[in-house]
PDB file of N, CA and C in Angstrom:
ATOM      1  N   MET A   1       0.870  -1.198   0.015  1.00  0.00           N
ATOM      2  CA  MET A   1       0.038   0.018  -0.054  1.00  0.00           C
ATOM      3  C   MET A   1       0.881   1.262  -0.015  1.00  0.00           C
ATOM      4  N   SER A   2       0.671   2.152  -0.941  1.00  0.00           N
ATOM      5  CA  SER A   2       1.516   3.315  -1.101  1.00  0.00           C
ATOM      6  C   SER A   2       0.605   4.568  -0.635  1.00  0.00           C
ATOM      7  N   ALA A   3       1.357   5.525  -0.056  1.00  0.00           N
ATOM      8  CA  ALA A   3       0.681   6.699   0.345  1.00  0.00           C
ATOM      9  C   ALA A   3       0.603   7.572  -0.885  1.00  0.00           C
ATOM     10  N   GLU A   4      -0.533   8.309  -0.862  1.00  0.00           N
ATOM     11  CA  GLU A   4      -0.816   9.299  -1.882  1.00  0.00           C
ATOM     12  C   GLU A   4      -0.772  10.738  -1.365  1.00  0.00           C
ATOM     13  N   LEU A   5      -0.160  11.586  -2.159  1.00  0.00           N
ATOM     14  CA  LEU A   5      -0.012  12.995  -1.763  1.00  0.00           C
ATOM     15  C   LEU A   5      -1.374  13.649  -1.901  1.00  0.00           C
ATOM     16  N   VAL A   6      -1.846  14.365  -0.902  1.00  0.00           N
ATOM     17  CA  VAL A   6      -3.065  15.125  -1.040  1.00  0.00           C
ATOM     18  C   VAL A   6      -2.682  16.645  -0.886  1.00  0.00           C
ATOM     19  N   SER A   7      -3.022  17.319  -1.869  1.00  0.00           N
ATOM     20  CA  SER A   7      -2.519  18.753  -1.961  1.00  0.00           C
ATOM     21  C   SER A   7      -3.625  19.664  -1.735  1.00  0.00           C
ATOM     22  N   HIS A   8      -3.465  20.678  -0.863  1.00  0.00           N
ATOM     23  CA  HIS A   8      -4.483  21.710  -0.610  1.00  0.00           C
ATOM     24  C   HIS A   8      -3.864  22.974  -1.250  1.00  0.00           C
ATOM     25  N   LEU A   9      -2.905  22.868  -2.138  1.00  0.00           N
ATOM     26  CA  LEU A   9      -2.204  24.071  -2.645  1.00  0.00           C
ATOM     27  C   LEU A   9      -3.190  24.892  -3.430  1.00  0.00           C
ATOM     28  N   ARG A  10      -4.085  24.355  -4.254  1.00  0.00           N
ATOM     29  CA  ARG A  10      -4.818  25.192  -5.143  1.00  0.00           C
ATOM     30  C   ARG A  10      -5.819  26.073  -4.223  1.00  0.00           C
ATOM     31  N   ASP A  11      -6.476  25.578  -3.192  1.00  0.00           N
ATOM     32  CA  ASP A  11      -7.222  26.282  -2.295  1.00  0.00           C
ATOM     33  C   ASP A  11      -6.482  27.481  -1.696  1.00  0.00           C
ATOM     34  N   HIS A  12      -5.320  27.087  -1.249  1.00  0.00           N
ATOM     35  CA  HIS A  12      -4.428  28.257  -0.560  1.00  0.00           C
ATOM     36  C   HIS A  12      -3.963  29.302  -1.590  1.00  0.00           C
ATOM     37  N   ARG A  13      -3.619  28.806  -2.778  1.00  0.00           N
ATOM     38  CA  ARG A  13      -3.218  29.697  -3.814  1.00  0.00           C
ATOM     39  C   ARG A  13      -4.314  30.776  -4.167  1.00  0.00           C
ATOM     40  N   LEU A  14      -5.536  30.087  -4.449  1.00  0.00           N
ATOM     41  CA  LEU A  14      -6.645  31.019  -4.763  1.00  0.00           C
ATOM     42  C   LEU A  14      -6.986  31.928  -3.660  1.00  0.00           C
ATOM     43  N   ARG A  15      -6.968  31.574  -2.439  1.00  0.00           N
ATOM     44  CA  ARG A  15      -7.226  32.459  -1.322  1.00  0.00           C
ATOM     45  C   ARG A  15      -6.199  33.623  -1.222  1.00  0.00           C
ATOM     46  N   ALA A  16      -4.921  33.230  -1.761  1.00  0.00           N
ATOM     47  CA  ALA A  16      -3.981  34.414  -1.754  1.00  0.00           C
ATOM     48  C   ALA A  16      -4.058  35.209  -3.070  1.00  0.00           C
ATOM     49  N   GLY A  17      -4.966  34.943  -3.892  1.00  0.00           N
ATOM     50  CA  GLY A  17      -5.244  35.670  -5.105  1.00  0.00           C
ATOM     51  C   GLY A  17      -4.072  35.638  -6.234  1.00  0.00           C
ATOM     52  N   LEU A  18      -3.414  34.389  -6.193  1.00  0.00           N
ATOM     53  CA  LEU A  18      -2.433  34.133  -7.177  1.00  0.00           C
ATOM     54  C   LEU A  18      -2.761  33.193  -8.244  1.00  0.00           C
ATOM     55  N   THR A  19      -2.205  33.470  -9.434  1.00  0.00           N
ATOM     56  CA  THR A  19      -2.304  32.436 -10.583  1.00  0.00           C
ATOM     57  C   THR A  19      -1.333  31.381 -10.339  1.00  0.00           C
ATOM     58  N   GLN A  20      -1.376  30.368 -11.072  1.00  0.00           N
ATOM     59  CA  GLN A  20      -0.377  29.383 -11.063  1.00  0.00           C
ATOM     60  C   GLN A  20       0.932  29.907 -11.475  1.00  0.00           C
ATOM     61  N   GLU A  21       0.887  30.725 -12.583  1.00  0.00           N
ATOM     62  CA  GLU A  21       2.073  31.371 -13.097  1.00  0.00           C
ATOM     63  C   GLU A  21       2.770  32.275 -12.127  1.00  0.00           C
ATOM     64  N   GLU A  22       2.021  33.131 -11.452  1.00  0.00           N
ATOM     65  CA  GLU A  22       2.598  34.004 -10.419  1.00  0.00           C
ATOM     66  C   GLU A  22       3.250  33.198  -9.336  1.00  0.00           C
ATOM     67  N   LEU A  23       2.552  32.205  -8.806  1.00  0.00           N
ATOM     68  CA  LEU A  23       3.164  31.405  -7.687  1.00  0.00           C
ATOM     69  C   LEU A  23       4.491  30.701  -8.267  1.00  0.00           C
ATOM     70  N   ALA A  24       4.362  30.203  -9.400  1.00  0.00           N
ATOM     71  CA  ALA A  24       5.492  29.460  -9.872  1.00  0.00           C
ATOM     72  C   ALA A  24       6.720  30.432  -9.980  1.00  0.00           C
ATOM     73  N   ARG A  25       6.529  31.582 -10.514  1.00  0.00           N
ATOM     74  CA  ARG A  25       7.585  32.541 -10.636  1.00  0.00           C
ATOM     75  C   ARG A  25       8.222  32.922  -9.350  1.00  0.00           C
ATOM     76  N   GLU A  26       7.255  33.146  -8.355  1.00  0.00           N
ATOM     77  CA  GLU A  26       7.758  33.611  -7.112  1.00  0.00           C
ATOM     78  C   GLU A  26       8.534  32.603  -6.340  1.00  0.00           C
ATOM     79  N   VAL A  27       8.242  31.264  -6.541  1.00  0.00           N
ATOM     80  CA  VAL A  27       8.977  30.187  -5.804  1.00  0.00           C
ATOM     81  C   VAL A  27      10.028  29.521  -6.650  1.00  0.00           C
ATOM     82  N   GLY A  28      10.115  30.102  -7.955  1.00  0.00           N
ATOM     83  CA  GLY A  28      11.286  29.509  -8.818  1.00  0.00           C
ATOM     84  C   GLY A  28      11.117  28.179  -9.422  1.00  0.00           C
ATOM     85  N   VAL A  29       9.834  27.863  -9.855  1.00  0.00           N
ATOM     86  CA  VAL A  29       9.559  26.730 -10.587  1.00  0.00           C
ATOM     87  C   VAL A  29       8.744  27.058 -11.821  1.00  0.00           C
ATOM     88  N   THR A  30       8.317  26.101 -12.623  1.00  0.00           N
ATOM     89  CA  THR A  30       7.515  26.289 -13.854  1.00  0.00           C
ATOM     90  C   THR A  30       6.025  26.143 -13.404  1.00  0.00           C
ATOM     91  N   ARG A  31       5.127  26.657 -14.198  1.00  0.00           N
ATOM     92  CA  ARG A  31       3.679  26.607 -14.024  1.00  0.00           C
ATOM     93  C   ARG A  31       3.363  25.111 -14.069  1.00  0.00           C
ATOM     94  N   GLN A  32       4.023  24.324 -14.976  1.00  0.00           N
ATOM     95  CA  GLN A  32       3.659  22.902 -15.015  1.00  0.00           C
ATOM     96  C   GLN A  32       3.993  22.170 -13.666  1.00  0.00           C
ATOM     97  N   THR A  33       4.922  22.614 -13.028  1.00  0.00           N
ATOM     98  CA  THR A  33       5.363  22.092 -11.705  1.00  0.00           C
ATOM     99  C   THR A  33       4.150  22.338 -10.733  1.00  0.00           C
ATOM    100  N   ILE A  34       3.715  23.591 -10.651  1.00  0.00           N
ATOM    101  CA  ILE A  34       2.550  23.963  -9.754  1.00  0.00           C
ATOM    102  C   ILE A  34       1.375  23.188 -10.165  1.00  0.00           C
ATOM    103  N   ILE A  35       1.014  22.957 -11.387  1.00  0.00           N
ATOM    104  CA  ILE A  35      -0.081  22.223 -11.836  1.00  0.00           C
ATOM    105  C   ILE A  35       0.021  20.699 -11.311  1.00  0.00           C
ATOM    106  N   ALA A  36       1.225  20.137 -11.493  1.00  0.00           N
ATOM    107  CA  ALA A  36       1.441  18.653 -11.020  1.00  0.00           C
ATOM    108  C   ALA A  36       1.369  18.602  -9.542  1.00  0.00           C
ATOM    109  N   ILE A  37       1.839  19.554  -8.751  1.00  0.00           N
ATOM    110  CA  ILE A  37       1.739  19.533  -7.361  1.00  0.00           C
ATOM    111  C   ILE A  37       0.269  19.609  -6.999  1.00  0.00           C
ATOM    112  N   GLU A  38      -0.503  20.587  -7.548  1.00  0.00           N
ATOM    113  CA  GLU A  38      -1.958  20.727  -7.193  1.00  0.00           C
ATOM    114  C   GLU A  38      -2.720  19.538  -7.480  1.00  0.00           C
ATOM    115  N   LYS A  39      -2.425  18.756  -8.450  1.00  0.00           N
ATOM    116  CA  LYS A  39      -3.120  17.543  -8.913  1.00  0.00           C
ATOM    117  C   LYS A  39      -2.656  16.335  -7.975  1.00  0.00           C
ATOM    118  N   GLY A  40      -1.580  16.537  -7.209  1.00  0.00           N
ATOM    119  CA  GLY A  40      -1.077  15.496  -6.380  1.00  0.00           C
ATOM    120  C   GLY A  40      -0.267  14.492  -7.118  1.00  0.00           C
ATOM    121  N   ASN A  41       0.208  14.880  -8.328  1.00  0.00           N
ATOM    122  CA  ASN A  41       1.040  14.008  -9.132  1.00  0.00           C
ATOM    123  C   ASN A  41       2.543  14.224  -8.940  1.00  0.00           C
ATOM    124  N   TYR A  42       2.878  15.214  -8.193  1.00  0.00           N
ATOM    125  CA  TYR A  42       4.332  15.448  -8.055  1.00  0.00           C
ATOM    126  C   TYR A  42       4.494  15.980  -6.577  1.00  0.00           C
ATOM    127  N   PRO A  43       5.219  15.217  -5.757  1.00  0.00           N
ATOM    128  CA  PRO A  43       5.464  15.625  -4.382  1.00  0.00           C
ATOM    129  C   PRO A  43       6.680  16.623  -4.409  1.00  0.00           C
ATOM    130  N   PRO A  44       6.437  17.811  -3.913  1.00  0.00           N
ATOM    131  CA  PRO A  44       7.592  18.743  -3.999  1.00  0.00           C
ATOM    132  C   PRO A  44       8.663  18.443  -2.995  1.00  0.00           C
ATOM    133  N   SER A  45       9.850  18.906  -3.220  1.00  0.00           N
ATOM    134  CA  SER A  45      10.994  18.710  -2.343  1.00  0.00           C
ATOM    135  C   SER A  45      10.570  19.500  -1.088  1.00  0.00           C
ATOM    136  N   VAL A  46      11.292  19.173   0.046  1.00  0.00           N
ATOM    137  CA  VAL A  46      11.161  19.839   1.199  1.00  0.00           C
ATOM    138  C   VAL A  46      11.307  21.367   1.053  1.00  0.00           C
ATOM    139  N   LEU A  47      12.388  21.674   0.367  1.00  0.00           N
ATOM    140  CA  LEU A  47      12.738  23.136   0.218  1.00  0.00           C
ATOM    141  C   LEU A  47      11.617  23.834  -0.604  1.00  0.00           C
ATOM    142  N   LEU A  48      11.157  23.210  -1.642  1.00  0.00           N
ATOM    143  CA  LEU A  48      10.075  23.927  -2.434  1.00  0.00           C
ATOM    144  C   LEU A  48       8.802  23.947  -1.638  1.00  0.00           C
ATOM    145  N   ALA A  49       8.463  22.970  -0.897  1.00  0.00           N
ATOM    146  CA  ALA A  49       7.244  22.964  -0.041  1.00  0.00           C
ATOM    147  C   ALA A  49       7.288  24.159   1.020  1.00  0.00           C
ATOM    148  N   LEU A  50       8.571  24.286   1.513  1.00  0.00           N
ATOM    149  CA  LEU A  50       8.684  25.449   2.429  1.00  0.00           C
ATOM    150  C   LEU A  50       8.620  26.784   1.790  1.00  0.00           C
ATOM    151  N   ARG A  51       9.188  26.906   0.630  1.00  0.00           N
ATOM    152  CA  ARG A  51       9.057  28.112  -0.116  1.00  0.00           C
ATOM    153  C   ARG A  51       7.549  28.472  -0.419  1.00  0.00           C
ATOM    154  N   ILE A  52       6.812  27.440  -0.901  1.00  0.00           N
ATOM    155  CA  ILE A  52       5.433  27.764  -1.222  1.00  0.00           C
ATOM    156  C   ILE A  52       4.713  28.069  -0.003  1.00  0.00           C
ATOM    157  N   ALA A  53       4.879  27.394   1.129  1.00  0.00           N
ATOM    158  CA  ALA A  53       4.165  27.629   2.398  1.00  0.00           C
ATOM    159  C   ALA A  53       4.532  29.023   2.911  1.00  0.00           C
ATOM    160  N   ARG A  54       5.773  29.377   2.759  1.00  0.00           N
ATOM    161  CA  ARG A  54       6.182  30.794   3.233  1.00  0.00           C
ATOM    162  C   ARG A  54       5.452  31.831   2.369  1.00  0.00           C
ATOM    163  N   ARG A  55       5.434  31.558   1.180  1.00  0.00           N
ATOM    164  CA  ARG A  55       4.825  32.634   0.198  1.00  0.00           C
ATOM    165  C   ARG A  55       3.389  32.739   0.441  1.00  0.00           C
ATOM    166  N   LEU A  56       2.688  31.601   0.852  1.00  0.00           N
ATOM    167  CA  LEU A  56       1.231  31.643   0.975  1.00  0.00           C
ATOM    168  C   LEU A  56       0.846  31.930   2.437  1.00  0.00           C
ATOM    169  N   GLY A  57       1.767  32.054   3.339  1.00  0.00           N
ATOM    170  CA  GLY A  57       1.553  32.335   4.700  1.00  0.00           C
ATOM    171  C   GLY A  57       0.929  31.259   5.465  1.00  0.00           C
ATOM    172  N   THR A  58       1.321  30.027   5.225  1.00  0.00           N
ATOM    173  CA  THR A  58       0.778  28.918   5.825  1.00  0.00           C
ATOM    174  C   THR A  58       1.984  27.867   6.161  1.00  0.00           C
ATOM    175  N   THR A  59       1.596  26.668   6.507  1.00  0.00           N
ATOM    176  CA  THR A  59       2.591  25.673   6.937  1.00  0.00           C
ATOM    177  C   THR A  59       2.457  24.600   5.801  1.00  0.00           C
ATOM    178  N   VAL A  60       3.620  23.886   5.811  1.00  0.00           N
ATOM    179  CA  VAL A  60       3.693  22.683   4.894  1.00  0.00           C
ATOM    180  C   VAL A  60       2.599  21.741   5.277  1.00  0.00           C
ATOM    181  N   GLU A  61       2.354  21.600   6.492  1.00  0.00           N
ATOM    182  CA  GLU A  61       1.279  20.636   6.968  1.00  0.00           C
ATOM    183  C   GLU A  61      -0.073  21.042   6.505  1.00  0.00           C
ATOM    184  N   GLU A  62      -0.282  22.319   6.461  1.00  0.00           N
ATOM    185  CA  GLU A  62      -1.605  22.719   5.866  1.00  0.00           C
ATOM    186  C   GLU A  62      -1.827  22.576   4.450  1.00  0.00           C
ATOM    187  N   LEU A  63      -0.638  22.563   3.671  1.00  0.00           N
ATOM    188  CA  LEU A  63      -0.760  22.522   2.247  1.00  0.00           C
ATOM    189  C   LEU A  63      -0.734  20.995   1.805  1.00  0.00           C
ATOM    190  N   PHE A  64      -0.071  20.119   2.492  1.00  0.00           N
ATOM    191  CA  PHE A  64       0.066  18.807   2.011  1.00  0.00           C
ATOM    192  C   PHE A  64      -0.147  17.761   3.088  1.00  0.00           C
ATOM    193  N   GLU A  65      -0.773  16.557   2.648  1.00  0.00           N
ATOM    194  CA  GLU A  65      -0.869  15.490   3.660  1.00  0.00           C
ATOM    195  C   GLU A  65      -0.712  14.226   2.783  1.00  0.00           C
ATOM    196  N   TYR A  66      -0.458  13.076   3.535  1.00  0.00           N
ATOM    197  CA  TYR A  66      -0.325  11.875   2.857  1.00  0.00           C
ATOM    198  C   TYR A  66      -1.549  10.964   3.363  1.00  0.00           C
ATOM    199  N   ASP A  67      -2.298  10.513   2.370  1.00  0.00           N
ATOM    200  CA  ASP A  67      -3.442   9.663   2.667  1.00  0.00           C
ATOM    201  C   ASP A  67      -3.124   8.145   2.566  1.00  0.00           C
TER     202      ASP A  67
END
């Protein structure tokens, strides 16, 4: 049984009023990376997760969980 990444990134990003492109640019990745993370298809590195959480004013634990 493998754990699946559950991402709450989209909700947090929309609350912050950011597009995928804006968030990607601010944290140093491509829009495609943000899309993949939001869909739960790509688990971000710890450093990237921290950058995203800091930019959105939340915690990594609020953004991601494993189901």
